[in-house]
Amino acid sequence: MLAGKTIVTLLCVIGICMCSPAKCHSGAVGDTGGATDLPAEIEAMKNNNPDKYRDFRHVLRHIRTMNRKQNRKTSLTVAKALVDHVYWERYRFTSERHRLNFLSVLMGIVCVESGFDPAAISNRNARGLMQVHWPTWKRYFSSPMEAHDLRRNLAVGTGILRLYMRRSNNDLRRALYRYLGARDDRYADRVIESATAFKASVLSDPLE
């Protein structure tokens, strides 16, 4: 019981506080948490934040490479949600050992966990982009469907990872063991390799 209270306290400290259903997002699968005019928002990003727009294009290109069956609108929505989340300063951290920034780490995890599919549900009831394990972390959602809300899923999943990074002294591999719930080098290798592949695609193949 004490351990559970400690986890709740730590997650609240790093930004994942429980909210009432009225204050949370709607919970629709693939929902961005309120975006109604995606093309206009992307155009505004292009005009107002060129660095973020560049990252958005890199993310979108990588998603389309890794999940060719995903429809264009879903890819656009997921890419925007990812860069929106990364540019929210509360969630900045790095893996110095692997020379990976937060965006690369996030891309590696989401690629391995869900293949960038916001509707993904595992046979163990892990949900959404970051495959947050519903039975363990359901206190942070108002419903199972809200676990698929892009913003909420990324916020909770990143909060869990950040907690495990702190507990692992910023060792990404050890944090990934905790995230998975098992010491599995194959899983950690896949995430780190996916993150490194995204970073390499950004560095070696600049956008036109």
N, C-alpha and C. Protein backbone atom coordinates (compact mmCIF):
# COMPACT_ATOMS: atom_id res chain seq x y z
N MET A 1 0.83 -1.20 0.00
CA MET A 1 0.00 0.00 0.00
C MET A 1 0.86 1.25 0.00
N LEU A 2 1.94 1.23 0.83
CA LEU A 2 2.82 2.39 0.89
C LEU A 2 3.52 2.61 -0.43
N ALA A 3 3.95 1.51 -1.09
CA ALA A 3 4.61 1.64 -2.38
C ALA A 3 3.69 2.26 -3.41
N GLY A 4 2.41 1.86 -3.38
CA GLY A 4 1.45 2.42 -4.31
C GLY A 4 1.27 3.91 -4.11
N LYS A 5 1.21 4.34 -2.83
CA LYS A 5 1.06 5.77 -2.54
C LYS A 5 2.29 6.53 -2.99
N THR A 6 3.47 5.91 -2.84
CA THR A 6 4.71 6.57 -3.27
C THR A 6 4.70 6.80 -4.77
N ILE A 7 4.27 5.80 -5.55
CA ILE A 7 4.21 5.93 -7.00
C ILE A 7 3.27 7.05 -7.40
N VAL A 8 2.08 7.08 -6.77
CA VAL A 8 1.11 8.14 -7.08
C VAL A 8 1.72 9.50 -6.81
N THR A 9 2.40 9.64 -5.65
CA THR A 9 3.01 10.93 -5.30
C THR A 9 4.07 11.33 -6.31
N LEU A 10 4.92 10.38 -6.70
CA LEU A 10 5.98 10.69 -7.65
C LEU A 10 5.43 11.09 -9.00
N LEU A 11 4.40 10.39 -9.47
CA LEU A 11 3.82 10.71 -10.76
C LEU A 11 3.16 12.09 -10.73
N CYS A 12 2.56 12.44 -9.62
CA CYS A 12 1.97 13.78 -9.50
C CYS A 12 3.05 14.84 -9.54
N VAL A 13 4.18 14.56 -8.91
CA VAL A 13 5.28 15.52 -8.91
C VAL A 13 5.79 15.78 -10.31
N ILE A 14 5.85 14.73 -11.16
CA ILE A 14 6.38 14.92 -12.49
C ILE A 14 5.30 15.28 -13.51
N GLY A 15 4.09 15.51 -13.04
CA GLY A 15 3.12 16.10 -13.93
C GLY A 15 1.94 15.26 -14.32
N ILE A 16 1.77 14.08 -13.75
CA ILE A 16 0.62 13.26 -14.09
C ILE A 16 -0.29 13.18 -12.88
N CYS A 17 -1.14 14.15 -12.72
CA CYS A 17 -2.10 14.14 -11.63
C CYS A 17 -3.41 13.58 -12.12
N MET A 18 -4.13 12.94 -11.22
CA MET A 18 -5.44 12.41 -11.59
C MET A 18 -6.38 13.56 -11.84
N CYS A 19 -7.30 13.37 -12.78
CA CYS A 19 -8.25 14.42 -13.08
C CYS A 19 -9.65 13.82 -13.17
N SER A 20 -10.63 14.64 -13.01
CA SER A 20 -12.00 14.18 -13.14
C SER A 20 -12.34 14.00 -14.60
N PRO A 21 -13.30 13.15 -14.93
CA PRO A 21 -13.68 12.96 -16.33
C PRO A 21 -14.03 14.27 -17.02
N ALA A 22 -14.58 15.21 -16.28
CA ALA A 22 -14.98 16.48 -16.91
C ALA A 22 -13.79 17.28 -17.36
N LYS A 23 -12.63 17.09 -16.69
CA LYS A 23 -11.45 17.87 -17.03
C LYS A 23 -10.53 17.14 -17.98
N CYS A 24 -10.73 15.84 -18.14
CA CYS A 24 -9.88 15.07 -19.03
C CYS A 24 -10.36 15.19 -20.47
N HIS A 25 -9.54 14.64 -21.39
CA HIS A 25 -9.94 14.64 -22.79
C HIS A 25 -11.09 13.66 -22.99
N SER A 26 -11.66 13.72 -24.16
CA SER A 26 -12.86 12.93 -24.43
C SER A 26 -12.60 11.44 -24.43
N GLY A 27 -11.37 11.02 -24.84
CA GLY A 27 -11.03 9.61 -24.79
C GLY A 27 -11.30 8.87 -26.08
N ALA A 28 -11.65 9.53 -27.14
CA ALA A 28 -11.87 8.86 -28.42
C ALA A 28 -10.56 8.28 -28.93
N VAL A 29 -10.62 7.10 -29.52
CA VAL A 29 -9.42 6.47 -30.05
C VAL A 29 -8.80 7.37 -31.10
N GLY A 30 -7.51 7.70 -30.91
CA GLY A 30 -6.80 8.53 -31.86
C GLY A 30 -7.08 10.00 -31.70
N ASP A 31 -7.87 10.41 -30.72
CA ASP A 31 -8.17 11.82 -30.53
C ASP A 31 -6.93 12.57 -30.11
N THR A 32 -6.75 13.78 -30.60
CA THR A 32 -5.59 14.59 -30.24
C THR A 32 -5.88 15.46 -29.04
N GLY A 33 -7.04 15.33 -28.45
CA GLY A 33 -7.35 16.10 -27.28
C GLY A 33 -7.88 17.47 -27.62
N GLY A 34 -8.60 17.61 -28.74
CA GLY A 34 -9.25 18.87 -29.02
C GLY A 34 -8.93 19.48 -30.37
N ALA A 35 -7.97 18.93 -31.12
CA ALA A 35 -7.63 19.51 -32.41
C ALA A 35 -8.79 19.34 -33.38
N THR A 36 -9.24 20.44 -34.00
CA THR A 36 -10.38 20.38 -34.90
C THR A 36 -10.02 20.71 -36.33
N ASP A 37 -8.92 21.41 -36.55
CA ASP A 37 -8.52 21.80 -37.90
C ASP A 37 -7.04 21.51 -38.06
N LEU A 38 -6.72 20.24 -38.32
CA LEU A 38 -5.33 19.81 -38.36
C LEU A 38 -4.51 20.53 -39.42
N PRO A 39 -4.98 20.68 -40.67
CA PRO A 39 -4.18 21.40 -41.67
C PRO A 39 -3.84 22.82 -41.25
N ALA A 40 -4.81 23.52 -40.66
CA ALA A 40 -4.56 24.90 -40.23
C ALA A 40 -3.54 24.93 -39.09
N GLU A 41 -3.61 23.97 -38.17
CA GLU A 41 -2.66 23.93 -37.06
C GLU A 41 -1.25 23.62 -37.56
N ILE A 42 -1.15 22.75 -38.55
CA ILE A 42 0.16 22.42 -39.11
C ILE A 42 0.73 23.63 -39.86
N GLU A 43 -0.12 24.34 -40.58
CA GLU A 43 0.33 25.55 -41.28
C GLU A 43 0.78 26.61 -40.29
N ALA A 44 0.06 26.74 -39.18
CA ALA A 44 0.46 27.69 -38.14
C ALA A 44 1.80 27.30 -37.53
N MET A 45 2.01 26.01 -37.33
CA MET A 45 3.29 25.53 -36.83
C MET A 45 4.42 25.89 -37.79
N LYS A 46 4.17 25.71 -39.08
CA LYS A 46 5.17 26.01 -40.10
C LYS A 46 5.57 27.49 -40.07
N ASN A 47 4.58 28.35 -39.86
CA ASN A 47 4.84 29.79 -39.88
C ASN A 47 5.42 30.30 -38.56
N ASN A 48 5.00 29.70 -37.45
CA ASN A 48 5.35 30.25 -36.14
C ASN A 48 6.50 29.54 -35.43
N ASN A 49 6.76 28.30 -35.79
CA ASN A 49 7.80 27.54 -35.11
C ASN A 49 8.50 26.61 -36.10
N PRO A 50 9.42 27.16 -36.90
CA PRO A 50 10.09 26.36 -37.94
C PRO A 50 10.82 25.13 -37.41
N ASP A 51 11.45 25.24 -36.23
CA ASP A 51 12.16 24.09 -35.68
C ASP A 51 11.19 22.94 -35.36
N LYS A 52 10.08 23.29 -34.75
CA LYS A 52 9.07 22.27 -34.45
C LYS A 52 8.49 21.68 -35.73
N TYR A 53 8.27 22.53 -36.72
CA TYR A 53 7.73 22.05 -38.00
C TYR A 53 8.71 21.09 -38.67
N ARG A 54 10.01 21.40 -38.58
CA ARG A 54 11.02 20.50 -39.15
C ARG A 54 10.98 19.14 -38.46
N ASP A 55 10.90 19.16 -37.12
CA ASP A 55 10.80 17.90 -36.38
C ASP A 55 9.52 17.15 -36.74
N PHE A 56 8.44 17.88 -36.91
CA PHE A 56 7.17 17.26 -37.31
C PHE A 56 7.33 16.53 -38.65
N ARG A 57 8.00 17.15 -39.60
CA ARG A 57 8.17 16.52 -40.90
C ARG A 57 9.05 15.27 -40.81
N HIS A 58 10.10 15.34 -39.98
CA HIS A 58 10.95 14.15 -39.77
C HIS A 58 10.14 13.02 -39.14
N VAL A 59 9.34 13.35 -38.14
CA VAL A 59 8.53 12.35 -37.46
C VAL A 59 7.51 11.74 -38.43
N LEU A 60 6.85 12.58 -39.18
CA LEU A 60 5.85 12.11 -40.13
C LEU A 60 6.47 11.18 -41.17
N ARG A 61 7.62 11.57 -41.70
CA ARG A 61 8.29 10.74 -42.69
C ARG A 61 8.66 9.38 -42.09
N HIS A 62 9.13 9.38 -40.85
CA HIS A 62 9.53 8.12 -40.21
C HIS A 62 8.33 7.23 -39.95
N ILE A 63 7.23 7.82 -39.50
CA ILE A 63 6.01 7.05 -39.26
C ILE A 63 5.55 6.38 -40.55
N ARG A 64 5.56 7.13 -41.64
CA ARG A 64 5.11 6.57 -42.92
C ARG A 64 6.05 5.48 -43.41
N THR A 65 7.32 5.58 -43.06
CA THR A 65 8.27 4.54 -43.43
C THR A 65 8.04 3.26 -42.63
N MET A 66 7.74 3.44 -41.34
CA MET A 66 7.62 2.29 -40.44
C MET A 66 6.23 1.66 -40.46
N ASN A 67 5.22 2.43 -40.82
CA ASN A 67 3.85 1.91 -40.85
C ASN A 67 3.18 2.36 -42.15
N ARG A 68 3.48 1.67 -43.21
CA ARG A 68 3.01 2.07 -44.54
C ARG A 68 1.51 1.86 -44.73
N LYS A 69 0.89 1.04 -43.88
CA LYS A 69 -0.54 0.77 -44.02
C LYS A 69 -1.40 1.82 -43.33
N GLN A 70 -0.79 2.65 -42.51
CA GLN A 70 -1.57 3.64 -41.76
C GLN A 70 -2.07 4.74 -42.70
N ASN A 71 -3.33 5.15 -42.51
CA ASN A 71 -3.86 6.18 -43.39
C ASN A 71 -3.21 7.53 -43.09
N ARG A 72 -3.26 8.41 -44.08
CA ARG A 72 -2.53 9.68 -44.01
C ARG A 72 -2.99 10.55 -42.83
N LYS A 73 -4.28 10.62 -42.61
CA LYS A 73 -4.79 11.48 -41.54
C LYS A 73 -4.31 11.01 -40.18
N THR A 74 -4.32 9.69 -39.96
CA THR A 74 -3.84 9.17 -38.68
C THR A 74 -2.37 9.47 -38.50
N SER A 75 -1.57 9.28 -39.56
CA SER A 75 -0.14 9.58 -39.48
C SER A 75 0.11 11.04 -39.14
N LEU A 76 -0.63 11.93 -39.79
CA LEU A 76 -0.49 13.36 -39.52
C LEU A 76 -0.85 13.67 -38.07
N THR A 77 -1.94 13.09 -37.60
CA THR A 77 -2.41 13.35 -36.24
C THR A 77 -1.41 12.84 -35.21
N VAL A 78 -0.89 11.63 -35.43
CA VAL A 78 0.08 11.06 -34.50
C VAL A 78 1.37 11.86 -34.50
N ALA A 79 1.85 12.23 -35.69
CA ALA A 79 3.09 13.01 -35.78
C ALA A 79 2.96 14.33 -35.05
N LYS A 80 1.84 15.01 -35.22
CA LYS A 80 1.64 16.28 -34.54
C LYS A 80 1.56 16.10 -33.03
N ALA A 81 0.86 15.06 -32.58
CA ALA A 81 0.75 14.80 -31.14
C ALA A 81 2.13 14.54 -30.54
N LEU A 82 2.98 13.82 -31.25
CA LEU A 82 4.32 13.51 -30.75
C LEU A 82 5.17 14.77 -30.60
N VAL A 83 5.17 15.62 -31.64
CA VAL A 83 6.00 16.83 -31.53
C VAL A 83 5.39 17.84 -30.55
N ASP A 84 4.07 17.90 -30.48
CA ASP A 84 3.44 18.76 -29.47
C ASP A 84 3.91 18.34 -28.08
N HIS A 85 3.94 17.04 -27.85
CA HIS A 85 4.32 16.52 -26.54
C HIS A 85 5.79 16.83 -26.24
N VAL A 86 6.63 16.61 -27.21
CA VAL A 86 8.07 16.83 -27.01
C VAL A 86 8.36 18.30 -26.73
N TYR A 87 7.63 19.19 -27.37
CA TYR A 87 7.88 20.62 -27.18
C TYR A 87 7.23 21.16 -25.91
N TRP A 88 6.55 20.30 -25.18
CA TRP A 88 6.06 20.66 -23.86
C TRP A 88 7.21 20.46 -22.89
N GLU A 89 7.83 21.53 -22.41
CA GLU A 89 9.13 21.48 -21.76
C GLU A 89 9.18 20.59 -20.53
N ARG A 90 8.07 20.35 -19.90
CA ARG A 90 8.06 19.53 -18.69
C ARG A 90 8.67 18.16 -18.94
N TYR A 91 8.62 17.69 -20.18
CA TYR A 91 9.02 16.32 -20.45
C TYR A 91 10.33 16.21 -21.22
N ARG A 92 11.27 17.06 -20.92
CA ARG A 92 12.57 16.96 -21.59
C ARG A 92 13.55 16.14 -20.76
N PHE A 93 14.11 15.09 -21.37
CA PHE A 93 15.20 14.37 -20.76
C PHE A 93 15.98 13.67 -21.87
N THR A 94 17.17 13.20 -21.56
CA THR A 94 18.03 12.59 -22.56
C THR A 94 18.62 11.30 -22.03
N SER A 95 19.13 10.50 -22.96
CA SER A 95 19.94 9.34 -22.60
C SER A 95 21.35 9.63 -23.11
N GLU A 96 22.19 10.16 -22.24
CA GLU A 96 23.53 10.59 -22.66
C GLU A 96 24.37 9.42 -23.14
N ARG A 97 24.20 8.28 -22.50
CA ARG A 97 24.99 7.10 -22.87
C ARG A 97 24.76 6.73 -24.33
N HIS A 98 23.52 6.83 -24.78
CA HIS A 98 23.20 6.45 -26.16
C HIS A 98 23.13 7.66 -27.09
N ARG A 99 23.38 8.86 -26.55
CA ARG A 99 23.35 10.09 -27.32
C ARG A 99 21.99 10.27 -28.02
N LEU A 100 20.95 10.04 -27.24
CA LEU A 100 19.60 10.15 -27.77
C LEU A 100 18.84 11.24 -27.03
N ASN A 101 18.16 12.09 -27.77
CA ASN A 101 17.32 13.10 -27.11
C ASN A 101 15.93 12.51 -26.87
N PHE A 102 15.09 13.32 -26.24
CA PHE A 102 13.77 12.84 -25.84
C PHE A 102 12.95 12.40 -27.05
N LEU A 103 12.98 13.17 -28.13
CA LEU A 103 12.19 12.81 -29.31
C LEU A 103 12.60 11.45 -29.84
N SER A 104 13.90 11.19 -29.94
CA SER A 104 14.37 9.90 -30.45
C SER A 104 13.96 8.75 -29.55
N VAL A 105 14.08 8.94 -28.23
CA VAL A 105 13.67 7.90 -27.27
C VAL A 105 12.18 7.61 -27.42
N LEU A 106 11.40 8.67 -27.50
CA LEU A 106 9.95 8.51 -27.63
C LEU A 106 9.60 7.79 -28.93
N MET A 107 10.24 8.16 -30.01
CA MET A 107 9.99 7.51 -31.30
C MET A 107 10.33 6.02 -31.24
N GLY A 108 11.43 5.68 -30.56
CA GLY A 108 11.82 4.28 -30.44
C GLY A 108 10.81 3.47 -29.66
N ILE A 109 10.33 4.02 -28.55
CA ILE A 109 9.36 3.32 -27.72
C ILE A 109 8.03 3.13 -28.46
N VAL A 110 7.53 4.21 -29.06
CA VAL A 110 6.23 4.13 -29.73
C VAL A 110 6.30 3.20 -30.93
N CYS A 111 7.41 3.22 -31.65
CA CYS A 111 7.56 2.32 -32.80
C CYS A 111 7.49 0.87 -32.37
N VAL A 112 8.21 0.52 -31.31
CA VAL A 112 8.25 -0.87 -30.85
C VAL A 112 6.94 -1.26 -30.17
N GLU A 113 6.40 -0.37 -29.36
CA GLU A 113 5.23 -0.71 -28.56
C GLU A 113 3.96 -0.82 -29.40
N SER A 114 3.73 0.12 -30.30
CA SER A 114 2.44 0.15 -31.00
C SER A 114 2.54 0.30 -32.51
N GLY A 115 3.75 0.50 -33.04
CA GLY A 115 3.87 0.75 -34.47
C GLY A 115 3.16 2.03 -34.87
N PHE A 116 3.08 2.99 -33.93
CA PHE A 116 2.45 4.30 -34.15
C PHE A 116 0.94 4.21 -34.34
N ASP A 117 0.35 3.13 -33.83
CA ASP A 117 -1.10 2.94 -33.94
C ASP A 117 -1.77 3.36 -32.63
N PRO A 118 -2.51 4.46 -32.61
CA PRO A 118 -3.13 4.93 -31.37
C PRO A 118 -4.25 4.02 -30.87
N ALA A 119 -4.75 3.14 -31.73
CA ALA A 119 -5.84 2.23 -31.33
C ALA A 119 -5.33 0.89 -30.83
N ALA A 120 -4.01 0.72 -30.76
CA ALA A 120 -3.44 -0.58 -30.41
C ALA A 120 -3.82 -1.02 -29.00
N ILE A 121 -4.17 -2.31 -28.87
CA ILE A 121 -4.45 -2.94 -27.58
C ILE A 121 -3.73 -4.28 -27.57
N SER A 122 -2.90 -4.52 -26.57
CA SER A 122 -2.16 -5.77 -26.50
C SER A 122 -3.02 -6.85 -25.84
N ASN A 123 -2.52 -8.10 -25.90
CA ASN A 123 -3.25 -9.19 -25.26
C ASN A 123 -3.18 -9.13 -23.74
N ARG A 124 -2.39 -8.17 -23.22
CA ARG A 124 -2.32 -7.95 -21.77
C ARG A 124 -3.03 -6.65 -21.37
N ASN A 125 -3.79 -6.11 -22.31
CA ASN A 125 -4.58 -4.91 -22.06
C ASN A 125 -3.72 -3.66 -21.86
N ALA A 126 -2.61 -3.59 -22.60
CA ALA A 126 -1.84 -2.35 -22.69
C ALA A 126 -2.40 -1.57 -23.87
N ARG A 127 -2.48 -0.25 -23.72
CA ARG A 127 -3.27 0.53 -24.67
C ARG A 127 -2.53 1.74 -25.24
N GLY A 128 -2.88 2.05 -26.50
CA GLY A 128 -2.46 3.30 -27.12
C GLY A 128 -1.04 3.31 -27.62
N LEU A 129 -0.57 4.52 -28.00
CA LEU A 129 0.74 4.67 -28.61
C LEU A 129 1.86 4.08 -27.77
N MET A 130 1.85 4.37 -26.47
CA MET A 130 2.92 3.91 -25.59
C MET A 130 2.57 2.63 -24.86
N GLN A 131 1.44 2.03 -25.24
CA GLN A 131 1.01 0.75 -24.65
C GLN A 131 1.06 0.80 -23.11
N VAL A 132 0.37 1.79 -22.58
CA VAL A 132 0.27 1.92 -21.13
C VAL A 132 -0.59 0.78 -20.60
N HIS A 133 -0.08 0.06 -19.61
CA HIS A 133 -0.78 -1.12 -19.09
C HIS A 133 -1.98 -0.68 -18.27
N TRP A 134 -3.16 -0.87 -18.84
CA TRP A 134 -4.39 -0.38 -18.22
C TRP A 134 -4.61 -0.92 -16.80
N PRO A 135 -4.47 -2.22 -16.54
CA PRO A 135 -4.74 -2.71 -15.18
C PRO A 135 -3.85 -2.05 -14.12
N THR A 136 -2.62 -1.67 -14.50
CA THR A 136 -1.69 -1.08 -13.54
C THR A 136 -1.91 0.42 -13.37
N TRP A 137 -2.19 1.12 -14.48
CA TRP A 137 -2.19 2.58 -14.47
C TRP A 137 -3.57 3.19 -14.72
N LYS A 138 -4.63 2.41 -14.54
CA LYS A 138 -5.96 2.91 -14.87
C LYS A 138 -6.39 4.08 -14.00
N ARG A 139 -5.73 4.27 -12.85
CA ARG A 139 -6.09 5.40 -11.99
C ARG A 139 -5.85 6.75 -12.67
N TYR A 140 -5.03 6.75 -13.74
CA TYR A 140 -4.69 8.00 -14.41
C TYR A 140 -5.57 8.29 -15.63
N PHE A 141 -6.60 7.47 -15.82
CA PHE A 141 -7.53 7.66 -16.92
C PHE A 141 -8.96 7.60 -16.39
N SER A 142 -9.85 8.28 -17.08
CA SER A 142 -11.25 8.24 -16.66
C SER A 142 -11.98 7.02 -17.21
N SER A 143 -11.39 6.37 -18.22
CA SER A 143 -12.02 5.20 -18.84
C SER A 143 -10.97 4.48 -19.68
N PRO A 144 -11.23 3.22 -20.07
CA PRO A 144 -10.29 2.54 -20.97
C PRO A 144 -10.11 3.29 -22.29
N MET A 145 -11.18 3.90 -22.81
CA MET A 145 -11.06 4.61 -24.07
C MET A 145 -10.14 5.83 -23.96
N GLU A 146 -10.13 6.46 -22.78
CA GLU A 146 -9.27 7.63 -22.64
C GLU A 146 -7.79 7.27 -22.71
N ALA A 147 -7.48 6.00 -22.45
CA ALA A 147 -6.10 5.56 -22.57
C ALA A 147 -5.60 5.64 -24.01
N HIS A 148 -6.52 5.80 -24.96
CA HIS A 148 -6.14 5.93 -26.37
C HIS A 148 -6.06 7.38 -26.81
N ASP A 149 -6.50 8.29 -25.97
CA ASP A 149 -6.37 9.71 -26.28
C ASP A 149 -4.88 10.02 -26.41
N LEU A 150 -4.49 10.63 -27.52
CA LEU A 150 -3.06 10.79 -27.81
C LEU A 150 -2.34 11.57 -26.72
N ARG A 151 -2.88 12.71 -26.37
CA ARG A 151 -2.20 13.54 -25.37
C ARG A 151 -2.11 12.83 -24.02
N ARG A 152 -3.21 12.23 -23.61
CA ARG A 152 -3.23 11.59 -22.30
C ARG A 152 -2.33 10.38 -22.27
N ASN A 153 -2.35 9.59 -23.32
CA ASN A 153 -1.50 8.40 -23.38
C ASN A 153 -0.03 8.79 -23.35
N LEU A 154 0.35 9.81 -24.11
CA LEU A 154 1.74 10.26 -24.12
C LEU A 154 2.14 10.83 -22.77
N ALA A 155 1.23 11.58 -22.14
CA ALA A 155 1.54 12.17 -20.84
C ALA A 155 1.77 11.10 -19.78
N VAL A 156 0.87 10.13 -19.72
CA VAL A 156 0.99 9.07 -18.72
C VAL A 156 2.19 8.17 -19.04
N GLY A 157 2.32 7.75 -20.30
CA GLY A 157 3.43 6.88 -20.68
C GLY A 157 4.78 7.52 -20.42
N THR A 158 4.91 8.79 -20.76
CA THR A 158 6.16 9.50 -20.54
C THR A 158 6.42 9.69 -19.04
N GLY A 159 5.37 9.96 -18.28
CA GLY A 159 5.53 10.10 -16.84
C GLY A 159 6.04 8.82 -16.21
N ILE A 160 5.51 7.68 -16.67
CA ILE A 160 5.97 6.38 -16.17
C ILE A 160 7.44 6.18 -16.52
N LEU A 161 7.78 6.46 -17.77
CA LEU A 161 9.17 6.29 -18.21
C LEU A 161 10.10 7.21 -17.43
N ARG A 162 9.68 8.44 -17.24
CA ARG A 162 10.53 9.39 -16.53
C ARG A 162 10.74 8.96 -15.08
N LEU A 163 9.69 8.42 -14.46
CA LEU A 163 9.82 7.86 -13.11
C LEU A 163 10.86 6.76 -13.09
N TYR A 164 10.80 5.86 -14.09
CA TYR A 164 11.74 4.75 -14.13
C TYR A 164 13.15 5.22 -14.49
N MET A 165 13.27 6.29 -15.27
CA MET A 165 14.59 6.85 -15.56
C MET A 165 15.22 7.36 -14.26
N ARG A 166 14.43 8.02 -13.45
CA ARG A 166 14.95 8.51 -12.17
C ARG A 166 15.36 7.36 -11.26
N ARG A 167 14.53 6.34 -11.20
CA ARG A 167 14.84 5.20 -10.35
C ARG A 167 16.04 4.41 -10.87
N SER A 168 16.34 4.54 -12.16
CA SER A 168 17.44 3.81 -12.78
C SER A 168 18.67 4.68 -12.97
N ASN A 169 18.70 5.84 -12.30
CA ASN A 169 19.83 6.77 -12.40
C ASN A 169 20.11 7.16 -13.85
N ASN A 170 19.02 7.43 -14.59
CA ASN A 170 19.08 7.87 -15.98
C ASN A 170 19.69 6.82 -16.92
N ASP A 171 19.59 5.57 -16.54
CA ASP A 171 20.06 4.47 -17.40
C ASP A 171 18.87 4.00 -18.24
N LEU A 172 18.88 4.31 -19.53
CA LEU A 172 17.74 4.01 -20.39
C LEU A 172 17.43 2.53 -20.43
N ARG A 173 18.43 1.71 -20.54
CA ARG A 173 18.19 0.26 -20.63
C ARG A 173 17.47 -0.26 -19.38
N ARG A 174 17.95 0.12 -18.22
CA ARG A 174 17.31 -0.32 -16.97
C ARG A 174 15.90 0.25 -16.85
N ALA A 175 15.72 1.48 -17.31
CA ALA A 175 14.38 2.07 -17.28
C ALA A 175 13.43 1.31 -18.19
N LEU A 176 13.94 0.86 -19.33
CA LEU A 176 13.11 0.09 -20.27
C LEU A 176 12.73 -1.27 -19.69
N TYR A 177 13.62 -1.89 -18.92
CA TYR A 177 13.25 -3.14 -18.24
C TYR A 177 12.02 -2.89 -17.36
N ARG A 178 12.06 -1.80 -16.62
CA ARG A 178 10.95 -1.49 -15.72
C ARG A 178 9.69 -1.17 -16.51
N TYR A 179 9.86 -0.46 -17.60
CA TYR A 179 8.70 -0.09 -18.42
C TYR A 179 8.01 -1.33 -18.97
N LEU A 180 8.81 -2.28 -19.41
CA LEU A 180 8.26 -3.54 -19.92
C LEU A 180 7.73 -4.41 -18.79
N GLY A 181 8.37 -4.32 -17.63
CA GLY A 181 8.00 -5.18 -16.51
C GLY A 181 8.81 -6.45 -16.47
N ALA A 182 9.92 -6.49 -17.21
CA ALA A 182 10.78 -7.67 -17.23
C ALA A 182 12.16 -7.28 -17.74
N ARG A 183 13.18 -7.98 -17.28
CA ARG A 183 14.54 -7.73 -17.75
C ARG A 183 14.72 -8.46 -19.09
N ASP A 184 14.44 -7.77 -20.15
CA ASP A 184 14.44 -8.37 -21.49
C ASP A 184 15.34 -7.52 -22.40
N ASP A 185 16.54 -8.03 -22.67
CA ASP A 185 17.48 -7.27 -23.49
C ASP A 185 17.01 -7.16 -24.93
N ARG A 186 16.25 -8.12 -25.40
CA ARG A 186 15.75 -8.04 -26.78
C ARG A 186 14.82 -6.84 -26.94
N TYR A 187 13.96 -6.64 -25.96
CA TYR A 187 13.06 -5.49 -26.00
C TYR A 187 13.85 -4.19 -25.91
N ALA A 188 14.75 -4.09 -24.95
CA ALA A 188 15.55 -2.87 -24.79
C ALA A 188 16.36 -2.59 -26.05
N ASP A 189 16.95 -3.63 -26.63
CA ASP A 189 17.73 -3.46 -27.86
C ASP A 189 16.86 -2.92 -28.99
N ARG A 190 15.67 -3.46 -29.12
CA ARG A 190 14.76 -3.02 -30.19
C ARG A 190 14.40 -1.54 -30.04
N VAL A 191 14.10 -1.13 -28.81
CA VAL A 191 13.74 0.27 -28.58
C VAL A 191 14.93 1.18 -28.88
N ILE A 192 16.09 0.83 -28.36
CA ILE A 192 17.28 1.66 -28.56
C ILE A 192 17.67 1.69 -30.04
N GLU A 193 17.58 0.54 -30.71
CA GLU A 193 17.89 0.51 -32.14
C GLU A 193 16.89 1.33 -32.94
N SER A 194 15.61 1.29 -32.57
CA SER A 194 14.59 2.07 -33.27
C SER A 194 14.82 3.56 -33.05
N ALA A 195 15.18 3.92 -31.82
CA ALA A 195 15.46 5.32 -31.51
C ALA A 195 16.68 5.80 -32.29
N THR A 196 17.71 4.97 -32.35
CA THR A 196 18.93 5.31 -33.07
C THR A 196 18.66 5.42 -34.57
N ALA A 197 17.80 4.55 -35.09
CA ALA A 197 17.46 4.60 -36.51
C ALA A 197 16.73 5.89 -36.86
N PHE A 198 15.84 6.34 -35.97
CA PHE A 198 15.17 7.61 -36.21
C PHE A 198 16.18 8.74 -36.21
N LYS A 199 17.07 8.76 -35.24
CA LYS A 199 18.09 9.81 -35.17
C LYS A 199 18.95 9.80 -36.43
N ALA A 200 19.34 8.59 -36.87
CA ALA A 200 20.18 8.48 -38.07
C ALA A 200 19.45 8.99 -39.30
N SER A 201 18.14 8.74 -39.38
CA SER A 201 17.37 9.21 -40.55
C SER A 201 17.31 10.73 -40.59
N VAL A 202 17.27 11.34 -39.41
CA VAL A 202 17.24 12.80 -39.34
C VAL A 202 18.58 13.38 -39.76
N LEU A 203 19.66 12.76 -39.30
CA LEU A 203 21.00 13.30 -39.54
C LEU A 203 21.51 13.01 -40.96
N SER A 204 21.14 11.85 -41.49
CA SER A 204 21.71 11.43 -42.79
C SER A 204 20.86 11.80 -43.99
N ASP A 205 19.60 12.10 -43.75
CA ASP A 205 18.69 12.37 -44.88
C ASP A 205 17.88 13.63 -44.60
N PRO A 206 18.53 14.80 -44.69
CA PRO A 206 17.81 16.05 -44.38
C PRO A 206 16.65 16.29 -45.31
N LEU A 207 15.67 16.98 -44.82
CA LEU A 207 14.49 17.30 -45.63
C LEU A 207 14.81 18.34 -46.67
N GLU A 208 14.09 18.29 -47.77
CA GLU A 208 14.31 19.28 -48.83
C GLU A 208 13.68 20.61 -48.43
